[in-house]
Amino acid sequence: MCTNSGRTSGRLRVTQAFIALSSISESSSAARTISIVTIGRFEIRMFNGSPGWPGGTRLTWLELLDQDTRSSVDSCSCHEIDEALAGFDELVSQAEAMNKAGGSENDDAQA
């Protein structure tokens, strides 16, 4: 299970990643995907998507990735930091439940 301190540090990483991704210019070659936390066999990461709002505003996405299969389990878009934090909390809950159901031995969040 994710400890309170693990979730808090994860939420801090979400905020830092959101700000970092928001500051990347369209022409930059900087990485556009940032790993937030690993929970058992799952990784939560944040990345920039295609411009999706009027005026070319770039959407930011959170994704829950199964590292064993390298496939996306769930994702959510976020326009504001508070949406990103809510999405992160939901993805953490999903990862914890799937690890528990799968009997993962290492299900503590690692920032």
C-alpha atoms as a PDB file:
ATOM      1  CA  MET A   1       0.000   0.000   0.000  1.00  0.00           C
ATOM      2  CA  CYS A   2       1.195   3.507  -0.704  1.00  0.00           C
ATOM      3  CA  THR A   3       2.192   5.252   2.513  1.00  0.00           C
ATOM      4  CA  ASN A   4       1.026   8.791   3.256  1.00  0.00           C
ATOM      5  CA  SER A   5       4.579  10.077   2.818  1.00  0.00           C
ATOM      6  CA  GLY A   6       4.853   8.170  -0.482  1.00  0.00           C
ATOM      7  CA  ARG A   7       1.613   9.672  -1.755  1.00  0.00           C
ATOM      8  CA  THR A   8       2.659  13.149  -0.607  1.00  0.00           C
ATOM      9  CA  SER A   9       6.010  12.921  -2.391  1.00  0.00           C
ATOM     10  CA  GLY A  10       4.184  11.590  -5.456  1.00  0.00           C
ATOM     11  CA  ARG A  11       1.833  14.579  -5.404  1.00  0.00           C
ATOM     12  CA  LEU A  12       4.877  16.869  -5.196  1.00  0.00           C
ATOM     13  CA  ARG A  13       6.381  15.072  -8.219  1.00  0.00           C
ATOM     14  CA  VAL A  14       3.085  15.559 -10.103  1.00  0.00           C
ATOM     15  CA  THR A  15       3.214  19.287  -9.420  1.00  0.00           C
ATOM     16  CA  GLN A  16       6.871  19.522 -10.482  1.00  0.00           C
ATOM     17  CA  ALA A  17       6.255  17.478 -13.636  1.00  0.00           C
ATOM     18  CA  PHE A  18       3.175  19.519 -14.568  1.00  0.00           C
ATOM     19  CA  ILE A  19       5.155  22.751 -14.301  1.00  0.00           C
ATOM     20  CA  ALA A  20       8.149  21.297 -16.172  1.00  0.00           C
ATOM     21  CA  LEU A  21       6.011  19.970 -19.030  1.00  0.00           C
ATOM     22  CA  SER A  22       4.046  23.224 -19.229  1.00  0.00           C
ATOM     23  CA  SER A  23       7.265  25.171 -19.712  1.00  0.00           C
ATOM     24  CA  ILE A  24       8.571  23.106 -22.644  1.00  0.00           C
ATOM     25  CA  SER A  25       8.269  25.036 -25.888  1.00  0.00           C
ATOM     26  CA  GLU A  26       6.788  23.408 -28.981  1.00  0.00           C
ATOM     27  CA  SER A  27      10.177  23.447 -30.739  1.00  0.00           C
ATOM     28  CA  SER A  28      12.158  22.043 -27.795  1.00  0.00           C
ATOM     29  CA  SER A  29      13.747  18.612 -27.961  1.00  0.00           C
ATOM     30  CA  ALA A  30      13.378  18.153 -24.175  1.00  0.00           C
ATOM     31  CA  ALA A  31      11.823  14.938 -22.889  1.00  0.00           C
ATOM     32  CA  ARG A  32       8.058  15.154 -22.868  1.00  0.00           C
ATOM     33  CA  THR A  33       7.452  12.180 -20.557  1.00  0.00           C
ATOM     34  CA  ILE A  34       8.253  12.200 -16.833  1.00  0.00           C
ATOM     35  CA  SER A  35       8.005   9.173 -14.545  1.00  0.00           C
ATOM     36  CA  ILE A  36       6.159  10.110 -11.361  1.00  0.00           C
ATOM     37  CA  VAL A  37       6.103   6.954  -9.228  1.00  0.00           C
ATOM     38  CA  THR A  38       6.407   3.167  -9.403  1.00  0.00           C
ATOM     39  CA  ILE A  39       3.947   1.077  -7.409  1.00  0.00           C
ATOM     40  CA  GLY A  40       4.724  -2.617  -7.649  1.00  0.00           C
ATOM     41  CA  ARG A  41       4.662  -3.505 -11.326  1.00  0.00           C
ATOM     42  CA  PHE A  42       2.919  -0.257 -12.308  1.00  0.00           C
ATOM     43  CA  GLU A  43       4.349   3.126 -13.235  1.00  0.00           C
ATOM     44  CA  ILE A  44       2.500   6.425 -13.234  1.00  0.00           C
ATOM     45  CA  ARG A  45       3.940   8.892 -15.696  1.00  0.00           C
ATOM     46  CA  MET A  46       3.008  12.295 -17.083  1.00  0.00           C
ATOM     47  CA  PHE A  47       3.417  13.464 -20.650  1.00  0.00           C
ATOM     48  CA  ASN A  48       2.400  16.186 -23.076  1.00  0.00           C
ATOM     49  CA  GLY A  49      -0.158  15.321 -25.687  1.00  0.00           C
ATOM     50  CA  SER A  50      -1.105  17.095 -28.864  1.00  0.00           C
ATOM     51  CA  PRO A  51      -2.564  20.586 -28.725  1.00  0.00           C
ATOM     52  CA  GLY A  52      -6.213  19.955 -28.045  1.00  0.00           C
ATOM     53  CA  TRP A  53      -7.843  23.170 -26.960  1.00  0.00           C
ATOM     54  CA  PRO A  54      -8.664  26.309 -28.914  1.00  0.00           C
ATOM     55  CA  GLY A  55      -5.563  28.400 -29.275  1.00  0.00           C
ATOM     56  CA  GLY A  56      -3.345  25.325 -29.399  1.00  0.00           C
ATOM     57  CA  THR A  57      -3.208  24.661 -25.668  1.00  0.00           C
ATOM     58  CA  ARG A  58      -1.310  21.424 -25.108  1.00  0.00           C
ATOM     59  CA  LEU A  59      -3.048  18.766 -23.015  1.00  0.00           C
ATOM     60  CA  THR A  60      -1.115  17.056 -20.248  1.00  0.00           C
ATOM     61  CA  TRP A  61      -1.808  13.390 -19.533  1.00  0.00           C
ATOM     62  CA  LEU A  62      -1.254  11.015 -16.631  1.00  0.00           C
ATOM     63  CA  GLU A  63      -0.901   7.350 -17.534  1.00  0.00           C
ATOM     64  CA  LEU A  64      -0.898   4.146 -15.509  1.00  0.00           C
ATOM     65  CA  LEU A  65       1.474   1.760 -17.245  1.00  0.00           C
ATOM     66  CA  ASP A  66       1.814  -1.986 -16.579  1.00  0.00           C
ATOM     67  CA  GLN A  67       5.590  -2.463 -16.728  1.00  0.00           C
ATOM     68  CA  ASP A  68       5.291  -6.226 -17.256  1.00  0.00           C
ATOM     69  CA  THR A  69       3.279  -5.872 -20.463  1.00  0.00           C
ATOM     70  CA  ARG A  70       4.416  -2.307 -21.352  1.00  0.00           C
ATOM     71  CA  SER A  71       0.765  -1.448 -21.917  1.00  0.00           C
ATOM     72  CA  SER A  72      -1.382   1.418 -20.723  1.00  0.00           C
ATOM     73  CA  VAL A  73      -3.951   0.424 -18.106  1.00  0.00           C
ATOM     74  CA  ASP A  74      -5.632   3.819 -17.715  1.00  0.00           C
ATOM     75  CA  SER A  75      -5.004   7.491 -18.368  1.00  0.00           C
ATOM     76  CA  CYS A  76      -6.547  10.889 -17.793  1.00  0.00           C
ATOM     77  CA  SER A  77      -6.038  14.329 -19.274  1.00  0.00           C
ATOM     78  CA  CYS A  78      -5.524  17.362 -17.099  1.00  0.00           C
ATOM     79  CA  HIS A  79      -5.624  21.060 -17.827  1.00  0.00           C
ATOM     80  CA  GLU A  80      -4.853  22.306 -14.313  1.00  0.00           C
ATOM     81  CA  ILE A  81      -2.636  21.065 -11.491  1.00  0.00           C
ATOM     82  CA  ASP A  82      -5.638  20.230  -9.288  1.00  0.00           C
ATOM     83  CA  GLU A  83      -6.970  17.909 -12.020  1.00  0.00           C
ATOM     84  CA  ALA A  84      -3.543  16.281 -12.265  1.00  0.00           C
ATOM     85  CA  LEU A  85      -3.437  15.699  -8.503  1.00  0.00           C
ATOM     86  CA  ALA A  86      -6.940  14.171  -8.496  1.00  0.00           C
ATOM     87  CA  GLY A  87      -5.988  11.963 -11.447  1.00  0.00           C
ATOM     88  CA  PHE A  88      -2.798  10.891  -9.702  1.00  0.00           C
ATOM     89  CA  ASP A  89      -4.715   9.875  -6.565  1.00  0.00           C
ATOM     90  CA  GLU A  90      -7.108   7.793  -8.682  1.00  0.00           C
ATOM     91  CA  LEU A  91      -4.293   6.061 -10.581  1.00  0.00           C
ATOM     92  CA  VAL A  92      -2.460   5.296  -7.315  1.00  0.00           C
ATOM     93  CA  SER A  93      -5.623   3.676  -5.961  1.00  0.00           C
ATOM     94  CA  GLN A  94      -5.962   1.581  -9.120  1.00  0.00           C
ATOM     95  CA  ALA A  95      -2.318   0.477  -9.011  1.00  0.00           C
ATOM     96  CA  GLU A  96      -2.590  -0.474  -5.340  1.00  0.00           C
ATOM     97  CA  ALA A  97      -5.767  -2.496  -5.956  1.00  0.00           C
ATOM     98  CA  MET A  98      -4.299  -4.306  -8.986  1.00  0.00           C
ATOM     99  CA  ASN A  99      -1.077  -5.095  -7.113  1.00  0.00           C
ATOM    100  CA  LYS A 100      -3.065  -6.430  -4.160  1.00  0.00           C
ATOM    101  CA  ALA A 101      -5.231  -8.554  -6.461  1.00  0.00           C
ATOM    102  CA  GLY A 102      -2.118  -9.826  -8.241  1.00  0.00           C
ATOM    103  CA  GLY A 103      -0.262 -10.579  -5.011  1.00  0.00           C
ATOM    104  CA  SER A 104       2.631  -8.204  -5.690  1.00  0.00           C
ATOM    105  CA  GLU A 105       5.313  -8.383  -3.006  1.00  0.00           C
ATOM    106  CA  ASN A 106       6.612  -4.870  -3.673  1.00  0.00           C
ATOM    107  CA  ASP A 107       3.670  -2.512  -3.747  1.00  0.00           C
ATOM    108  CA  ASP A 108       5.097   0.490  -1.916  1.00  0.00           C
ATOM    109  CA  ALA A 109       5.257   3.686  -3.930  1.00  0.00           C
ATOM    110  CA  GLN A 110       8.753   4.719  -4.941  1.00  0.00           C
ATOM    111  CA  ALA A 111       9.371   8.298  -6.047  1.00  0.00           C
END
